[in-house]
């Protein structure tokens, strides 16, 4: 299992974790009607947000992750027939969805252009939570590579790239990278 993610099944916490997935899901989907919608969770980890999306009324949910171990565990933890799982990264995601959700995974993406282009092909709405660099200027590089090999975008460049593909960008909150890309 992933030691970072708190997992709650049937009201019982089965794994402690520093990430409260239920609260993060609530924040990401605040004001978004999931009822009857198709949704793909990019970087689904152990499938917790997939299950929460179904519980919130999503009609069909797909979760993908690059980790075969995570996907196999997600299948075991979430045997819902309306949740499909697969092993691949976001740049290779297939299908057509009302909503794509990419939570805490963008910093692992190496080809950001390909990722955004693929998301624009497969979904109408993209919901993301993204760590942002405090280097926020058009003159700074769009992405800073951290010591942990994570790619962190600056806010201005990120909004520009997202707007090119989706036309509307709403920011709910700004989060600075925990790696401090200054």
Protein backbone atom coordinates (compact mmCIF):
# COMPACT_ATOMS: atom_id res chain seq x y z
CA UNK A 1 0.00 0.00 0.00
CA UNK A 2 0.97 3.63 -0.31
CA UNK A 3 2.08 4.93 3.10
CA UNK A 4 1.08 8.51 2.25
CA UNK A 5 -2.60 7.91 1.58
CA UNK A 6 -5.18 7.51 4.32
CA UNK A 7 -7.70 4.85 3.33
CA UNK A 8 -11.14 4.54 4.90
CA UNK A 9 -13.34 1.58 3.95
CA UNK A 10 -16.88 1.29 5.28
CA UNK A 11 -16.16 4.00 7.85
CA UNK A 12 -13.06 2.25 9.19
CA UNK A 13 -9.57 3.66 8.69
CA UNK A 14 -7.65 0.69 7.26
CA UNK A 15 -4.45 2.64 6.59
CA UNK A 16 -3.06 5.72 8.27
CA UNK A 17 -1.58 8.33 5.97
CA UNK A 18 -0.57 11.97 5.78
CA UNK A 19 -2.86 12.64 2.82
CA UNK A 20 -6.53 12.89 3.74
CA UNK A 21 -7.89 11.71 0.40
CA UNK A 22 -11.50 12.31 1.41
CA UNK A 23 -10.84 15.97 2.21
CA UNK A 24 -8.75 16.44 -0.93
CA UNK A 25 -11.53 14.89 -3.03
CA UNK A 26 -14.09 17.20 -1.40
CA UNK A 27 -11.94 20.24 -2.20
CA UNK A 28 -11.25 19.16 -5.80
CA UNK A 29 -14.87 18.42 -6.62
CA UNK A 30 -16.46 21.30 -4.72
CA UNK A 31 -19.09 22.80 -7.03
CA UNK A 32 -18.70 20.00 -9.62
CA UNK A 33 -21.74 17.84 -10.37
CA UNK A 34 -20.51 14.25 -10.78
CA UNK A 35 -23.95 12.65 -11.04
CA UNK A 36 -24.06 10.39 -14.08
CA UNK A 37 -20.74 11.71 -15.41
CA UNK A 38 -17.90 9.60 -16.73
CA UNK A 39 -14.62 10.28 -14.95
CA UNK A 40 -11.02 9.17 -15.31
CA UNK A 41 -8.64 9.49 -12.38
CA UNK A 42 -5.10 9.99 -13.70
CA UNK A 43 -2.60 8.67 -11.17
CA UNK A 44 -5.34 6.87 -9.24
CA UNK A 45 -2.97 5.37 -6.71
CA UNK A 46 -5.05 2.91 -4.67
CA UNK A 47 -8.39 3.95 -6.18
CA UNK A 48 -9.73 5.87 -3.19
CA UNK A 49 -10.83 8.87 -5.28
CA UNK A 50 -12.39 6.51 -7.84
CA UNK A 51 -14.54 5.04 -5.09
CA UNK A 52 -15.42 8.49 -3.79
CA UNK A 53 -16.42 9.59 -7.31
CA UNK A 54 -18.79 6.62 -7.62
CA UNK A 55 -20.19 7.37 -4.16
CA UNK A 56 -20.78 10.97 -5.34
CA UNK A 57 -22.83 9.67 -8.28
CA UNK A 58 -20.35 9.36 -11.16
CA UNK A 59 -21.79 6.89 -13.66
CA UNK A 60 -18.60 5.24 -14.84
CA UNK A 61 -15.12 5.73 -13.43
CA UNK A 62 -11.72 4.67 -14.72
CA UNK A 63 -8.54 4.85 -12.66
CA UNK A 64 -5.09 4.66 -14.21
CA UNK A 65 -1.67 4.65 -12.62
CA UNK A 66 1.87 3.83 -13.75
CA UNK A 67 2.26 1.42 -10.82
CA UNK A 68 0.95 -2.06 -11.53
CA UNK A 69 1.08 -2.78 -7.78
CA UNK A 70 -1.17 0.22 -7.01
CA UNK A 71 -3.64 -0.73 -9.75
CA UNK A 72 -3.86 -4.35 -8.54
CA UNK A 73 -4.41 -3.15 -4.96
CA UNK A 74 -7.04 -0.65 -6.15
CA UNK A 75 -8.95 -3.47 -7.86
CA UNK A 76 -8.94 -5.49 -4.62
CA UNK A 77 -9.97 -2.54 -2.43
CA UNK A 78 -12.67 -1.31 -4.84
CA UNK A 79 -14.45 -4.21 -6.59
CA UNK A 80 -17.25 -1.92 -7.94
CA UNK A 81 -18.26 -3.03 -11.46
CA UNK A 82 -18.53 0.60 -12.51
CA UNK A 83 -14.84 1.28 -11.83
CA UNK A 84 -12.26 0.12 -14.36
CA UNK A 85 -8.52 0.21 -13.75
CA UNK A 86 -5.49 0.19 -16.02
CA UNK A 87 -1.75 0.60 -15.95
CA UNK A 88 -0.52 3.59 -17.99
CA UNK A 89 0.42 7.23 -17.60
CA UNK A 90 -1.74 10.24 -18.39
CA UNK A 91 -0.10 10.88 -21.76
CA UNK A 92 -1.38 7.48 -22.94
CA UNK A 93 -4.91 7.68 -21.47
CA UNK A 94 -7.63 6.58 -23.88
CA UNK A 95 -11.38 7.10 -24.09
CA UNK A 96 -13.79 10.00 -23.77
CA UNK A 97 -14.77 11.37 -20.38
CA UNK A 98 -16.80 14.21 -19.00
CA UNK A 99 -14.14 14.79 -16.33
CA UNK A 100 -10.48 13.91 -15.86
CA UNK A 101 -9.06 14.27 -12.39
CA UNK A 102 -5.30 14.46 -11.89
CA UNK A 103 -4.48 14.82 -8.22
CA UNK A 104 -0.92 15.21 -6.95
CA UNK A 105 0.64 13.65 -10.01
CA UNK A 106 1.55 16.47 -12.39
CA UNK A 107 4.97 16.90 -10.81
CA UNK A 108 5.93 13.43 -12.12
CA UNK A 109 4.99 14.23 -15.74
CA UNK A 110 8.04 14.60 -17.96
CA UNK A 111 6.29 15.72 -21.17
CA UNK A 112 3.85 18.40 -20.03
CA UNK A 113 2.83 19.41 -23.55
CA UNK A 114 1.89 15.82 -24.42
CA UNK A 115 0.00 15.48 -21.12
CA UNK A 116 -2.09 18.63 -21.65
CA UNK A 117 -2.79 17.73 -25.29
CA UNK A 118 -3.96 14.25 -24.30
CA UNK A 119 -6.19 15.60 -21.54
CA UNK A 120 -7.76 18.05 -24.02
CA UNK A 121 -8.50 15.09 -26.34
CA UNK A 122 -10.09 12.80 -23.76
CA UNK A 123 -12.07 15.08 -21.45
CA UNK A 124 -14.32 18.12 -21.32
CA UNK A 125 -13.20 19.22 -17.85
CA UNK A 126 -9.82 18.70 -16.19
CA UNK A 127 -9.59 18.97 -12.41
CA UNK A 128 -6.09 19.13 -10.98
CA UNK A 129 -4.26 19.96 -7.83
CA UNK A 130 -0.79 21.11 -8.69
CA UNK A 131 2.18 22.15 -6.61
CA UNK A 132 3.30 25.54 -7.89
CA UNK A 133 6.73 27.09 -7.74
CA UNK A 134 7.06 30.43 -6.00
CA UNK A 135 9.09 31.56 -9.06
CA UNK A 136 6.06 33.13 -10.72
CA UNK A 137 7.06 35.08 -13.78
CA UNK A 138 6.98 34.73 -17.55
CA UNK A 139 10.75 35.14 -17.49
CA UNK A 140 11.29 32.08 -15.29
CA UNK A 141 11.21 28.58 -16.77
CA UNK A 142 7.75 27.00 -16.81
CA UNK A 143 9.01 24.02 -14.85
CA UNK A 144 11.67 23.75 -12.19
CA UNK A 145 13.27 20.38 -11.63
CA UNK A 146 13.70 19.70 -7.92
CA UNK A 147 16.33 17.67 -6.11
CA UNK A 148 13.83 14.80 -5.95
CA UNK A 149 13.42 14.82 -9.76
CA UNK A 150 9.96 16.42 -9.57
CA UNK A 151 8.80 18.99 -12.11
CA UNK A 152 7.09 21.97 -10.48
CA UNK A 153 5.42 24.65 -12.69
CA UNK A 154 5.18 28.34 -11.99
CA UNK A 155 1.60 29.67 -11.77
CA UNK A 156 1.71 32.04 -14.77
CA UNK A 157 3.12 29.49 -17.18
CA UNK A 158 0.85 26.71 -15.90
CA UNK A 159 -2.29 28.84 -16.38
CA UNK A 160 -1.16 29.83 -19.89
CA UNK A 161 -0.59 26.20 -20.94
CA UNK A 162 -3.88 25.00 -19.42
CA UNK A 163 -5.82 27.90 -20.99
CA UNK A 164 -4.48 27.01 -24.47
CA UNK A 165 -6.18 23.61 -24.24
CA UNK A 166 -9.25 24.28 -22.13
CA UNK A 167 -10.16 27.95 -22.66
CA UNK A 168 -11.35 28.39 -19.08
CA UNK A 169 -9.09 28.04 -16.07
CA UNK A 170 -10.35 28.53 -12.51
CA UNK A 171 -7.95 28.48 -9.65
CA UNK A 172 -9.42 27.64 -6.28
CA UNK A 173 -6.25 27.86 -4.24
CA UNK A 174 -2.53 28.24 -4.76
CA UNK A 175 -0.21 25.68 -3.21
CA UNK A 176 3.52 26.19 -3.06
CA UNK A 177 5.76 23.23 -3.76
CA UNK A 178 6.98 21.44 -0.65
CA UNK A 179 10.36 21.31 -2.38
CA UNK A 180 10.61 25.13 -2.39
CA UNK A 181 11.59 25.75 -6.01
CA UNK A 182 12.82 29.31 -5.54
